[in-house]
């Protein structure tokens, strides 16, 4: 495995490097507004701290500051700071009630209780309501209120309390909209990181499940969780994932695609080298195989690494059906892959260069259909493919109520009208339609897009060199696929390099009791997932070979 893992220092991507910036003249620097130093400690004076926070947020309308005075001669001065919309109002009211109860205590009123003791008392009474932590720096105060917490500052103290009272609106757990299954779990990830980690915990109820959280993005400070199973996942892969994410220097991370593009092994390739899904069961299955999951706050799509070429032909439902049915469906997807990739190009090559390969009757019918068509076959194919892509994108962007209707009716009307007008032949419409339908069979949307891009390249190859051009294209495509890696693991594993032990679950699937080992190049820590012979049939109290 060590041969397939790249050293952290070997990666030299342009977005990881710090670019040198030109130093502005002193006169210009003096004119720039002075920014607040977030690394400095809190001040003992509460009013100064509140003024600093107001300046830091620019008097934003959602910034709420509550001031409470109590004690002898109002010497006790407490400030509560939070952002409206990020906290639970009911929890906030409970906290206020607890604070007022403590401030009305006799010890507080007569001034015999020290402020340090009051802070500890507030912390102890807040623990039953919400998690409470102490902070001393300004950037910790900023982080506390940005993450849905309530900051408690006491005049005269250089420390504050963060009370976790987050309660923003979030979408509930619903059925997946992009990976539908007939049989299997219906739940999917949401946009909340903690909800997503809990969904994974529900699937894997074991203490060895590790969840490591960090923040990426200088401005957005997006929470990211690296999830793996200790004892199963190769630690070198986990370390590589951690190092690549830590080297990211960017202002914002708004979706997991940002992370995917920044940490993938090769950028200039149409194929995805990280797998993304919104199904918790797929992530749990990947973790149990020894992979690493990357969860990003704000998106339901979770990344899984390393990702192999065969993963993009597998659906979650394959493991909930019988093994023979799953194998048939996977073979159907492989056939659809080649039809989607080579359908129009094969038709163009046969029509233009290899007419002798067609039956005479079919050749005469095709010639009769193309008699009134003014364009060559390659122009027909490109025209129909571009039109189909336009209709597909229009159907996605339009409202759901009319999106499907417009795409289906548009395709039928335009296709029939184009044939009647003599712009394209009827056979070309059939070929392009079958190609488009085959593209929808692929379970992974990212892989399907890659095939749509490569289809145009193969059309040009076929129009230029015929079947010889298609063979050249397939040769270079195979070389490109074999050169790809996903976090050091060859993308075409276990086909190239060929791993005999991992052929149980590739483009076909053997019964579950036959798949008792994990992928060899992904997990070498604990390769046995079940006892061999677990699935042998039990008949009349005797165990026989299955």
Protein backbone atom coordinates (compact mmCIF):
# COMPACT_ATOMS: atom_id res chain seq x y z
CA UNK A 1 0.00 0.00 0.00
CA UNK A 2 2.90 2.30 0.68
CA UNK A 3 3.74 2.29 -3.03
CA UNK A 4 0.34 3.73 -3.89
CA UNK A 5 0.27 6.58 -1.34
CA UNK A 6 1.84 9.86 -2.33
CA UNK A 7 3.96 11.66 0.20
CA UNK A 8 2.38 14.89 1.44
CA UNK A 9 5.37 16.88 0.26
CA UNK A 10 5.08 15.46 -3.25
CA UNK A 11 1.89 17.34 -3.97
CA UNK A 12 2.52 20.73 -5.47
CA UNK A 13 -0.76 22.32 -6.50
CA UNK A 14 -0.99 25.96 -7.38
CA UNK A 15 -3.87 26.67 -4.98
CA UNK A 16 -1.85 25.33 -2.02
CA UNK A 17 1.04 27.71 -2.65
CA UNK A 18 1.23 31.10 -1.05
CA UNK A 19 1.53 33.76 -3.69
CA UNK A 20 3.80 36.67 -3.02
CA UNK A 21 2.02 39.97 -2.73
CA UNK A 22 3.44 43.33 -3.59
CA UNK A 23 4.01 45.63 -0.65
CA UNK A 24 2.00 48.81 -0.86
CA UNK A 25 3.76 52.14 -0.32
CA UNK A 26 3.72 53.50 3.20
CA UNK A 27 1.49 56.39 2.13
CA UNK A 28 -1.12 54.01 0.79
CA UNK A 29 -0.96 51.75 3.82
CA UNK A 30 -1.72 54.64 6.17
CA UNK A 31 -4.90 55.41 4.24
CA UNK A 32 -6.24 51.88 4.58
CA UNK A 33 -8.75 51.34 7.43
CA UNK A 34 -7.31 49.64 10.46
CA UNK A 35 -8.78 46.18 11.09
CA UNK A 36 -9.53 44.79 14.50
CA UNK A 37 -6.89 42.42 15.83
CA UNK A 38 -8.92 39.30 16.58
CA UNK A 39 -6.01 37.56 18.28
CA UNK A 40 -5.82 39.96 21.25
CA UNK A 41 -7.15 39.15 24.70
CA UNK A 42 -10.42 40.45 26.07
CA UNK A 43 -10.41 43.67 28.03
CA UNK A 44 -11.48 43.89 31.69
CA UNK A 45 -13.79 46.77 30.79
CA UNK A 46 -17.09 45.37 29.48
CA UNK A 47 -17.97 48.53 27.57
CA UNK A 48 -14.70 48.33 25.62
CA UNK A 49 -15.41 44.73 24.72
CA UNK A 50 -18.91 45.60 23.56
CA UNK A 51 -17.61 48.52 21.52
CA UNK A 52 -15.04 46.24 19.88
CA UNK A 53 -17.75 43.74 18.96
CA UNK A 54 -19.94 46.49 17.50
CA UNK A 55 -17.03 47.77 15.43
CA UNK A 56 -16.16 44.23 14.33
CA UNK A 57 -19.69 43.55 13.05
CA UNK A 58 -20.31 47.07 11.79
CA UNK A 59 -23.47 47.53 13.85
CA UNK A 60 -25.22 44.67 12.02
CA UNK A 61 -28.96 44.54 12.60
CA UNK A 62 -28.91 40.89 13.72
CA UNK A 63 -26.30 41.52 16.43
CA UNK A 64 -28.09 41.52 19.80
CA UNK A 65 -26.42 42.82 22.98
CA UNK A 66 -28.26 42.60 26.30
CA UNK A 67 -26.89 44.43 29.34
CA UNK A 68 -27.82 43.42 32.89
CA UNK A 69 -26.93 45.43 36.02
CA UNK A 70 -27.48 44.07 39.50
CA UNK A 71 -25.92 43.83 42.92
CA UNK A 72 -25.06 46.53 45.40
CA UNK A 73 -25.03 49.93 43.66
CA UNK A 74 -25.36 48.07 40.33
CA UNK A 75 -21.73 47.10 40.57
CA UNK A 76 -22.38 43.80 38.85
CA UNK A 77 -22.43 44.38 35.07
CA UNK A 78 -23.13 41.45 32.71
CA UNK A 79 -23.40 41.48 28.91
CA UNK A 80 -25.05 38.82 26.70
CA UNK A 81 -24.10 38.80 23.01
CA UNK A 82 -25.63 36.65 20.26
CA UNK A 83 -26.82 36.77 16.65
CA UNK A 84 -30.55 36.77 16.08
CA UNK A 85 -31.68 33.79 14.00
CA UNK A 86 -28.81 31.51 15.03
CA UNK A 87 -29.98 30.65 18.52
CA UNK A 88 -32.90 28.82 20.07
CA UNK A 89 -35.20 31.49 21.50
CA UNK A 90 -36.71 29.15 24.09
CA UNK A 91 -33.26 28.13 25.31
CA UNK A 92 -32.28 31.79 25.43
CA UNK A 93 -35.27 32.58 27.61
CA UNK A 94 -34.34 29.74 29.95
CA UNK A 95 -30.81 31.09 30.19
CA UNK A 96 -32.09 34.59 30.97
CA UNK A 97 -34.33 33.19 33.69
CA UNK A 98 -31.37 31.32 35.21
CA UNK A 99 -29.21 34.46 35.08
CA UNK A 100 -31.85 36.64 36.71
CA UNK A 101 -32.36 34.03 39.42
CA UNK A 102 -28.63 34.04 40.19
CA UNK A 103 -28.40 37.82 40.14
CA UNK A 104 -31.23 38.09 42.65
CA UNK A 105 -29.43 35.77 45.03
CA UNK A 106 -28.63 37.33 48.40
CA UNK A 107 -24.91 36.79 48.02
CA UNK A 108 -24.91 38.66 44.72
CA UNK A 109 -27.08 41.47 46.04
CA UNK A 110 -24.93 42.28 49.03
CA UNK A 111 -21.73 42.03 47.00
CA UNK A 112 -20.14 39.26 49.08
CA UNK A 113 -19.79 36.96 46.04
CA UNK A 114 -16.68 37.57 43.91
CA UNK A 115 -17.06 38.03 40.16
CA UNK A 116 -14.88 35.02 39.44
CA UNK A 117 -17.13 32.90 41.61
CA UNK A 118 -20.18 34.33 39.86
CA UNK A 119 -18.76 33.25 36.48
CA UNK A 120 -18.28 29.74 37.79
CA UNK A 121 -21.77 29.78 39.27
CA UNK A 122 -23.30 30.88 35.95
CA UNK A 123 -21.33 28.19 34.16
CA UNK A 124 -22.51 25.50 36.55
CA UNK A 125 -26.16 26.53 36.29
CA UNK A 126 -25.99 26.71 32.47
CA UNK A 127 -24.60 23.21 31.98
CA UNK A 128 -27.98 21.49 32.45
CA UNK A 129 -29.43 23.78 29.78
CA UNK A 130 -26.59 23.89 27.23
CA UNK A 131 -22.90 23.16 26.87
CA UNK A 132 -20.70 25.90 28.36
CA UNK A 133 -17.04 26.69 27.64
CA UNK A 134 -14.69 29.47 28.68
CA UNK A 135 -12.78 31.76 26.30
CA UNK A 136 -10.19 34.54 26.68
CA UNK A 137 -9.54 35.95 23.18
CA UNK A 138 -11.53 38.12 20.84
CA UNK A 139 -11.49 35.62 17.96
CA UNK A 140 -12.90 32.98 20.31
CA UNK A 141 -15.74 35.38 21.15
CA UNK A 142 -16.37 35.94 17.44
CA UNK A 143 -16.39 32.20 16.76
CA UNK A 144 -18.75 31.63 19.68
CA UNK A 145 -21.50 33.92 18.42
CA UNK A 146 -20.99 33.00 14.75
CA UNK A 147 -21.63 29.33 15.56
CA UNK A 148 -24.95 29.98 17.29
CA UNK A 149 -23.68 30.53 20.81
CA UNK A 150 -24.43 33.10 23.49
CA UNK A 151 -21.37 34.94 24.80
CA UNK A 152 -21.52 36.02 28.46
CA UNK A 153 -19.12 38.80 29.49
CA UNK A 154 -18.77 40.11 33.06
CA UNK A 155 -17.31 43.53 33.74
CA UNK A 156 -13.94 43.20 35.44
CA UNK A 157 -13.11 39.75 34.09
CA UNK A 158 -10.73 39.04 31.18
CA UNK A 159 -12.57 35.84 30.30
CA UNK A 160 -16.03 35.05 29.01
CA UNK A 161 -18.43 32.12 28.77
CA UNK A 162 -19.75 30.57 25.59
CA UNK A 163 -23.12 28.87 25.96
CA UNK A 164 -24.10 26.67 23.03
CA UNK A 165 -27.70 27.63 22.28
CA UNK A 166 -27.77 27.18 18.50
CA UNK A 167 -31.23 26.73 17.03
CA UNK A 168 -31.33 27.87 13.40
CA UNK A 169 -33.85 26.49 10.94
CA UNK A 170 -32.78 23.34 9.14
CA UNK A 171 -34.20 20.89 6.64
CA UNK A 172 -35.33 17.59 8.05
CA UNK A 173 -34.16 14.16 6.96
CA UNK A 174 -36.02 13.31 3.75
CA UNK A 175 -35.81 10.81 0.91
CA UNK A 176 -32.93 11.16 -1.52
CA UNK A 177 -33.86 13.07 -4.67
CA UNK A 178 -30.89 11.96 -6.80
CA UNK A 179 -30.33 8.32 -5.76
CA UNK A 180 -33.71 6.65 -5.62
CA UNK A 181 -34.00 2.95 -4.78
CA UNK A 182 -36.90 0.51 -4.81
CA UNK A 183 -35.65 -1.40 -1.78
CA UNK A 184 -33.44 0.09 0.91
CA UNK A 185 -33.29 3.03 3.33
CA UNK A 186 -35.07 6.18 2.21
CA UNK A 187 -33.22 8.72 4.37
CA UNK A 188 -30.61 11.10 3.03
CA UNK A 189 -28.15 13.63 4.38
CA UNK A 190 -29.14 17.23 5.11
CA UNK A 191 -27.30 20.55 5.11
CA UNK A 192 -26.46 20.34 8.84
CA UNK A 193 -23.14 18.73 9.71
CA UNK A 194 -24.15 17.41 13.13
CA UNK A 195 -27.28 15.80 11.69
CA UNK A 196 -25.16 14.09 9.05
CA UNK A 197 -22.65 12.73 11.56
CA UNK A 198 -25.52 11.38 13.64
CA UNK A 199 -26.91 9.56 10.59
CA UNK A 200 -23.54 7.87 10.14
CA UNK A 201 -23.41 7.02 13.84
CA UNK A 202 -26.79 5.35 13.56
CA UNK A 203 -25.42 3.05 10.87
CA UNK A 204 -22.09 2.28 12.58
CA UNK A 205 -22.64 1.85 16.32
CA UNK A 206 -19.03 1.30 17.29
CA UNK A 207 -16.52 3.29 19.33
CA UNK A 208 -13.85 2.92 16.63
CA UNK A 209 -15.70 5.37 14.37
CA UNK A 210 -13.58 8.52 14.36
CA UNK A 211 -14.96 11.98 13.51
CA UNK A 212 -12.36 14.73 13.22
CA UNK A 213 -13.67 18.27 12.66
CA UNK A 214 -11.79 21.29 11.32
CA UNK A 215 -12.60 24.63 9.71
CA UNK A 216 -11.70 25.69 6.17
CA UNK A 217 -12.27 29.12 4.66
CA UNK A 218 -10.90 32.40 5.93
CA UNK A 219 -14.29 34.11 5.71
CA UNK A 220 -16.92 31.36 5.78
CA UNK A 221 -15.06 29.18 8.34
CA UNK A 222 -16.93 26.13 7.07
CA UNK A 223 -16.97 23.11 9.37
CA UNK A 224 -15.62 19.93 7.78
CA UNK A 225 -15.60 16.45 9.30
CA UNK A 226 -13.19 13.68 8.33
CA UNK A 227 -14.76 10.32 9.19
CA UNK A 228 -13.08 6.91 9.22
CA UNK A 229 -13.04 3.68 11.21
CA UNK A 230 -9.89 3.14 13.22
CA UNK A 231 -8.47 -0.33 12.74
CA UNK A 232 -10.00 -0.71 9.26
CA UNK A 233 -8.96 2.40 7.33
CA UNK A 234 -5.35 2.71 6.28
CA UNK A 235 -3.86 5.50 8.40
CA UNK A 236 -1.75 6.71 5.46
CA UNK A 237 -4.91 7.52 3.50
CA UNK A 238 -6.41 9.33 6.50
CA UNK A 239 -3.22 11.34 6.95
CA UNK A 240 -3.15 12.19 3.25
CA UNK A 241 -6.75 13.43 3.36
CA UNK A 242 -6.01 15.49 6.47
CA UNK A 243 -2.88 17.04 4.97
CA UNK A 244 -4.54 18.00 1.70
CA UNK A 245 -7.45 19.68 3.48
CA UNK A 246 -5.14 21.51 5.90
CA UNK A 247 -3.15 22.96 2.99
CA UNK A 248 -6.22 24.62 1.47
CA UNK A 249 -6.06 28.42 1.68
CA UNK A 250 -9.26 29.93 0.33
CA UNK A 251 -11.83 32.51 1.40
CA UNK A 252 -14.93 30.35 1.20
CA UNK A 253 -16.16 26.76 1.07
CA UNK A 254 -19.84 26.72 0.13
CA UNK A 255 -20.22 23.11 -1.07
CA UNK A 256 -18.34 19.84 -1.01
CA UNK A 257 -17.42 20.34 -4.69
CA UNK A 258 -14.98 23.06 -3.53
CA UNK A 259 -13.14 20.48 -1.42
CA UNK A 260 -13.37 17.86 -4.16
CA UNK A 261 -11.72 20.09 -6.75
CA UNK A 262 -9.00 21.28 -4.37
CA UNK A 263 -7.84 17.90 -3.06
CA UNK A 264 -8.24 15.58 -6.08
CA UNK A 265 -5.09 14.00 -7.49
CA UNK A 266 -5.53 15.31 -11.04
CA UNK A 267 -7.60 18.32 -12.05
CA UNK A 268 -7.42 18.10 -15.84
CA UNK A 269 -9.54 15.01 -16.34
CA UNK A 270 -13.23 14.58 -17.19
CA UNK A 271 -13.57 11.71 -14.71
CA UNK A 272 -14.35 12.25 -11.01
CA UNK A 273 -11.73 10.81 -8.66
CA UNK A 274 -13.86 11.30 -5.53
CA UNK A 275 -17.26 9.73 -5.06
CA UNK A 276 -20.12 11.91 -3.82
CA UNK A 277 -23.43 10.72 -2.44
CA UNK A 278 -26.26 11.90 -0.21
CA UNK A 279 -27.12 8.43 1.13
CA UNK A 280 -25.90 7.51 4.66
CA UNK A 281 -25.95 3.78 3.87
CA UNK A 282 -23.51 4.28 0.97
CA UNK A 283 -21.14 6.22 3.24
CA UNK A 284 -21.42 3.57 5.96
CA UNK A 285 -20.64 0.81 3.45
CA UNK A 286 -17.64 2.78 2.18
CA UNK A 287 -16.32 3.32 5.70
CA UNK A 288 -16.63 -0.39 6.43
CA UNK A 289 -14.53 -1.08 3.32
CA UNK A 290 -11.76 1.15 4.67
CA UNK A 291 -12.51 4.44 2.92
CA UNK A 292 -12.59 7.97 4.30
CA UNK A 293 -15.68 10.19 4.25
CA UNK A 294 -15.52 13.99 4.06
CA UNK A 295 -18.62 15.80 5.36
CA UNK A 296 -19.03 19.52 4.67
CA UNK A 297 -21.45 21.73 6.58
CA UNK A 298 -24.07 23.29 4.33
CA UNK A 299 -24.45 20.51 1.75
CA UNK A 300 -26.07 17.05 1.77
CA UNK A 301 -23.46 15.61 -0.60
CA UNK A 302 -20.68 13.73 1.19
CA UNK A 303 -17.35 12.81 -0.42
CA UNK A 304 -15.87 9.33 -0.26
CA UNK A 305 -12.19 8.63 -0.90
CA UNK A 306 -10.51 6.82 -2.47
CA UNK A 307 -12.97 6.36 -5.34
CA UNK A 308 -12.44 3.76 -8.04
CA UNK A 309 -13.83 3.48 -11.57
CA UNK A 310 -16.01 0.51 -10.70
CA UNK A 311 -17.74 2.42 -7.87
CA UNK A 312 -19.54 4.65 -10.35
CA UNK A 313 -21.36 1.62 -11.82
CA UNK A 314 -22.62 0.43 -8.45
CA UNK A 315 -25.89 1.43 -6.83
CA UNK A 316 -26.91 1.11 -3.19
CA UNK A 317 -29.76 -1.16 -4.27
CA UNK A 318 -27.28 -3.71 -5.64
CA UNK A 319 -26.63 -4.86 -2.08
CA UNK A 320 -30.33 -5.07 -1.17
CA UNK A 321 -31.22 -7.36 -4.11
CA UNK A 322 -30.12 -10.91 -4.84
CA UNK A 323 -26.59 -11.24 -6.15
CA UNK A 324 -27.67 -12.54 -9.58
CA UNK A 325 -30.07 -9.62 -10.09
CA UNK A 326 -27.41 -7.15 -8.99
CA UNK A 327 -24.91 -8.69 -11.42
CA UNK A 328 -27.39 -8.44 -14.29
CA UNK A 329 -28.06 -4.77 -13.50
CA UNK A 330 -24.35 -3.97 -13.36
CA UNK A 331 -23.74 -5.66 -16.71
CA UNK A 332 -26.62 -3.61 -18.11
CA UNK A 333 -24.94 -0.43 -16.82
CA UNK A 334 -21.65 -1.40 -18.46
CA UNK A 335 -23.46 -1.93 -21.76
CA UNK A 336 -25.24 1.41 -21.33
CA UNK A 337 -21.85 3.04 -20.66
CA UNK A 338 -20.49 1.96 -24.04
CA UNK A 339 -23.75 2.77 -25.86
CA UNK A 340 -23.80 6.26 -24.33
CA UNK A 341 -20.15 6.79 -25.19
CA UNK A 342 -19.98 5.28 -28.69
CA UNK A 343 -23.57 5.23 -30.03
CA UNK A 344 -23.48 8.22 -32.45
CA UNK A 345 -19.81 7.70 -33.34
CA UNK A 346 -20.35 4.07 -34.39
CA UNK A 347 -23.29 5.09 -36.54
CA UNK A 348 -21.24 7.83 -38.24
CA UNK A 349 -18.29 5.47 -38.83
CA UNK A 350 -20.50 2.79 -40.41
CA UNK A 351 -22.40 5.26 -42.62
CA UNK A 352 -19.33 7.15 -43.87
CA UNK A 353 -16.51 4.59 -43.97
CA UNK A 354 -17.69 1.02 -43.46
CA UNK A 355 -20.90 0.54 -45.42
CA UNK A 356 -19.83 -3.01 -46.31
CA UNK A 357 -20.35 -4.05 -42.67
CA UNK A 358 -24.10 -3.34 -42.87
CA UNK A 359 -26.68 -5.75 -44.33
CA UNK A 360 -27.73 -4.75 -47.84
CA UNK A 361 -31.38 -4.20 -46.93
CA UNK A 362 -30.48 -1.98 -43.97
CA UNK A 363 -27.97 -0.05 -46.07
CA UNK A 364 -30.60 0.65 -48.75
CA UNK A 365 -33.10 1.84 -46.11
CA UNK A 366 -30.51 4.15 -44.53
CA UNK A 367 -29.55 5.55 -47.92
CA UNK A 368 -33.22 6.22 -48.73
CA UNK A 369 -33.69 8.06 -45.43
CA UNK A 370 -30.65 10.23 -45.98
CA UNK A 371 -31.50 11.05 -49.58
CA UNK A 372 -33.10 14.38 -48.74
CA UNK A 373 -30.85 15.33 -45.81
CA UNK A 374 -28.57 18.26 -46.78
CA UNK A 375 -25.99 17.73 -43.99
CA UNK A 376 -23.37 15.00 -43.51
CA UNK A 377 -23.89 12.51 -40.68
CA UNK A 378 -21.45 14.25 -38.32
CA UNK A 379 -23.37 17.55 -38.61
CA UNK A 380 -26.61 15.68 -37.97
CA UNK A 381 -25.19 14.07 -34.84
CA UNK A 382 -23.73 17.28 -33.46
CA UNK A 383 -26.96 19.16 -34.18
CA UNK A 384 -29.10 16.58 -32.41
CA UNK A 385 -26.69 16.18 -29.48
CA UNK A 386 -26.50 19.92 -28.85
CA UNK A 387 -30.29 20.20 -29.09
CA UNK A 388 -30.69 17.33 -26.62
CA UNK A 389 -28.27 18.95 -24.16
CA UNK A 390 -30.20 22.22 -24.39
CA UNK A 391 -33.49 20.43 -23.68
CA UNK A 392 -31.91 18.53 -20.79
CA UNK A 393 -30.60 21.68 -19.14
CA UNK A 394 -33.87 23.52 -19.76
CA UNK A 395 -35.78 20.71 -18.05
CA UNK A 396 -33.50 20.98 -15.00
CA UNK A 397 -33.75 24.76 -14.66
CA UNK A 398 -37.49 25.10 -15.23
CA UNK A 399 -39.96 24.64 -12.35
CA UNK A 400 -40.77 21.00 -11.61
CA UNK A 401 -44.38 21.42 -12.67
CA UNK A 402 -43.44 22.17 -16.29
CA UNK A 403 -39.80 21.05 -16.52
CA UNK A 404 -40.44 17.42 -17.46
CA UNK A 405 -43.30 18.35 -19.77
CA UNK A 406 -41.19 20.84 -21.70
CA UNK A 407 -38.25 18.45 -22.07
CA UNK A 408 -40.36 15.48 -23.22
CA UNK A 409 -42.71 17.40 -25.49
CA UNK A 410 -39.84 19.49 -26.82
CA UNK A 411 -37.83 16.40 -27.73
CA UNK A 412 -40.78 14.74 -29.46
CA UNK A 413 -41.88 17.82 -31.37
CA UNK A 414 -38.40 18.91 -32.42
CA UNK A 415 -37.39 15.38 -33.42
CA UNK A 416 -40.48 14.72 -35.50
CA UNK A 417 -40.42 18.17 -37.06
CA UNK A 418 -36.73 17.89 -37.93
CA UNK A 419 -37.33 14.56 -39.69
CA UNK A 420 -40.33 15.90 -41.62
CA UNK A 421 -38.36 18.99 -42.65
CA UNK A 422 -35.54 16.81 -43.96
CA UNK A 423 -32.90 18.32 -41.66
CA UNK A 424 -31.98 15.00 -40.01
CA UNK A 425 -32.79 11.37 -40.74
CA UNK A 426 -35.11 9.26 -38.62
CA UNK A 427 -32.32 6.79 -37.84
CA UNK A 428 -30.15 9.55 -36.38
CA UNK A 429 -33.01 10.59 -34.09
CA UNK A 430 -33.32 6.98 -32.89
CA UNK A 431 -29.57 6.65 -32.29
CA UNK A 432 -29.35 9.90 -30.31
CA UNK A 433 -32.44 8.99 -28.27
CA UNK A 434 -31.08 5.57 -27.32
CA UNK A 435 -27.77 7.21 -26.43
CA UNK A 436 -29.47 9.72 -24.15
CA UNK A 437 -31.57 7.06 -22.42
CA UNK A 438 -28.47 4.91 -21.86
CA UNK A 439 -26.78 7.85 -20.17
CA UNK A 440 -29.55 8.04 -17.59
CA UNK A 441 -28.94 4.45 -16.46
CA UNK A 442 -25.59 5.30 -14.86
CA UNK A 443 -26.12 5.69 -11.07
CA UNK A 444 -23.50 8.44 -10.70
CA UNK A 445 -24.44 11.82 -12.16
CA UNK A 446 -20.81 12.98 -12.21
CA UNK A 447 -19.75 9.97 -14.30
CA UNK A 448 -22.71 10.48 -16.64
CA UNK A 449 -21.61 14.07 -17.31
CA UNK A 450 -18.11 12.83 -18.13
CA UNK A 451 -19.53 10.46 -20.74
CA UNK A 452 -21.58 13.29 -22.26
CA UNK A 453 -18.40 15.32 -22.73
CA UNK A 454 -16.37 12.47 -24.22
CA UNK A 455 -19.18 11.57 -26.62
CA UNK A 456 -18.48 14.70 -28.68
CA UNK A 457 -14.79 13.80 -28.92
CA UNK A 458 -15.60 10.32 -30.23
CA UNK A 459 -17.99 11.80 -32.81
CA UNK A 460 -15.11 13.87 -34.20
CA UNK A 461 -12.78 10.84 -34.19
CA UNK A 462 -15.37 8.72 -36.03
CA UNK A 463 -16.07 11.43 -38.61
CA UNK A 464 -12.34 11.77 -39.31
CA UNK A 465 -10.96 8.21 -39.27
CA UNK A 466 -13.97 5.90 -38.93
CA UNK A 467 -13.63 2.81 -36.74
CA UNK A 468 -9.87 3.33 -36.71
CA UNK A 469 -10.44 6.73 -35.08
CA UNK A 470 -12.76 5.17 -32.47
CA UNK A 471 -10.08 2.57 -31.71
CA UNK A 472 -7.49 5.33 -31.26
CA UNK A 473 -9.85 7.21 -28.94
CA UNK A 474 -10.50 4.11 -26.83
CA UNK A 475 -6.77 3.44 -26.63
CA UNK A 476 -5.98 6.92 -25.30
CA UNK A 477 -9.02 6.80 -23.01
CA UNK A 478 -7.78 3.55 -21.47
CA UNK A 479 -4.30 5.00 -21.00
CA UNK A 480 -5.79 8.07 -19.32
CA UNK A 481 -7.94 5.98 -16.98
CA UNK A 482 -4.97 3.82 -15.99
CA UNK A 483 -2.90 6.93 -15.22
CA UNK A 484 -5.45 8.33 -12.76
CA UNK A 485 -5.17 7.87 -9.00
CA UNK A 486 -7.46 8.59 -6.12
CA UNK A 487 -5.41 9.43 -3.04
CA UNK A 488 -2.61 7.24 -4.31
CA UNK A 489 -4.78 4.24 -5.20
CA UNK A 490 -4.96 3.42 -8.97
CA UNK A 491 -8.30 4.53 -10.37
CA UNK A 492 -8.85 1.30 -12.34
CA UNK A 493 -8.22 -0.99 -9.33
CA UNK A 494 -8.90 -3.94 -9.18
CA UNK A 495 -8.98 -4.28 -12.98
CA UNK A 496 -5.66 -2.57 -13.65
CA UNK A 497 -3.69 -3.51 -11.65
CA UNK A 498 -5.57 -6.80 -11.56
CA UNK A 499 -6.30 -7.97 -8.00
CA UNK A 500 -7.85 -11.41 -7.99
CA UNK A 501 -9.07 -11.19 -4.38
CA UNK A 502 -11.10 -8.04 -5.12
CA UNK A 503 -13.00 -9.42 -8.13
CA UNK A 504 -15.89 -10.44 -5.87
CA UNK A 505 -17.49 -6.97 -6.06
CA UNK A 506 -16.49 -5.07 -9.20
CA UNK A 507 -18.54 -5.06 -12.41
CA UNK A 508 -20.38 -8.05 -10.99
CA UNK A 509 -21.33 -9.10 -7.46
CA UNK A 510 -20.93 -12.44 -5.75
CA UNK A 511 -23.16 -13.51 -2.82
CA UNK A 512 -22.57 -11.70 0.44
CA UNK A 513 -21.04 -14.71 2.17
CA UNK A 514 -18.45 -14.92 -0.62
CA UNK A 515 -17.35 -11.30 -0.10
CA UNK A 516 -15.63 -11.88 3.24
CA UNK A 517 -12.59 -9.68 2.52
CA UNK A 518 -12.22 -5.93 2.12
CA UNK A 519 -10.51 -4.30 -0.90
CA UNK A 520 -6.81 -5.10 -0.60
CA UNK A 521 -5.38 -1.80 -1.90
CA UNK A 522 -7.78 0.30 0.19
CA UNK A 523 -7.70 -1.44 3.57
CA UNK A 524 -4.77 -3.56 4.74
CA UNK A 525 -5.29 -3.04 8.46
CA UNK A 526 -8.20 -5.45 8.86
CA UNK A 527 -8.99 -7.21 5.59
CA UNK A 528 -11.42 -9.83 6.95
CA UNK A 529 -14.98 -8.56 7.35
CA UNK A 530 -16.68 -11.87 8.14
CA UNK A 531 -15.78 -15.45 8.91
CA UNK A 532 -15.36 -17.55 5.79
CA UNK A 533 -18.33 -19.88 5.37
CA UNK A 534 -20.76 -17.67 7.33
CA UNK A 535 -23.29 -17.86 4.54
CA UNK A 536 -23.33 -21.62 4.14
CA UNK A 537 -26.84 -23.02 4.10
CA UNK A 538 -28.17 -24.67 7.25
CA UNK A 539 -30.47 -27.58 6.46
CA UNK A 540 -31.94 -29.95 9.07
CA UNK A 541 -29.43 -28.74 11.64
CA UNK A 542 -26.40 -29.61 9.49
CA UNK A 543 -24.13 -27.11 7.75
CA UNK A 544 -23.47 -27.83 4.09
CA UNK A 545 -21.49 -26.03 1.42
CA UNK A 546 -23.40 -23.09 -0.12
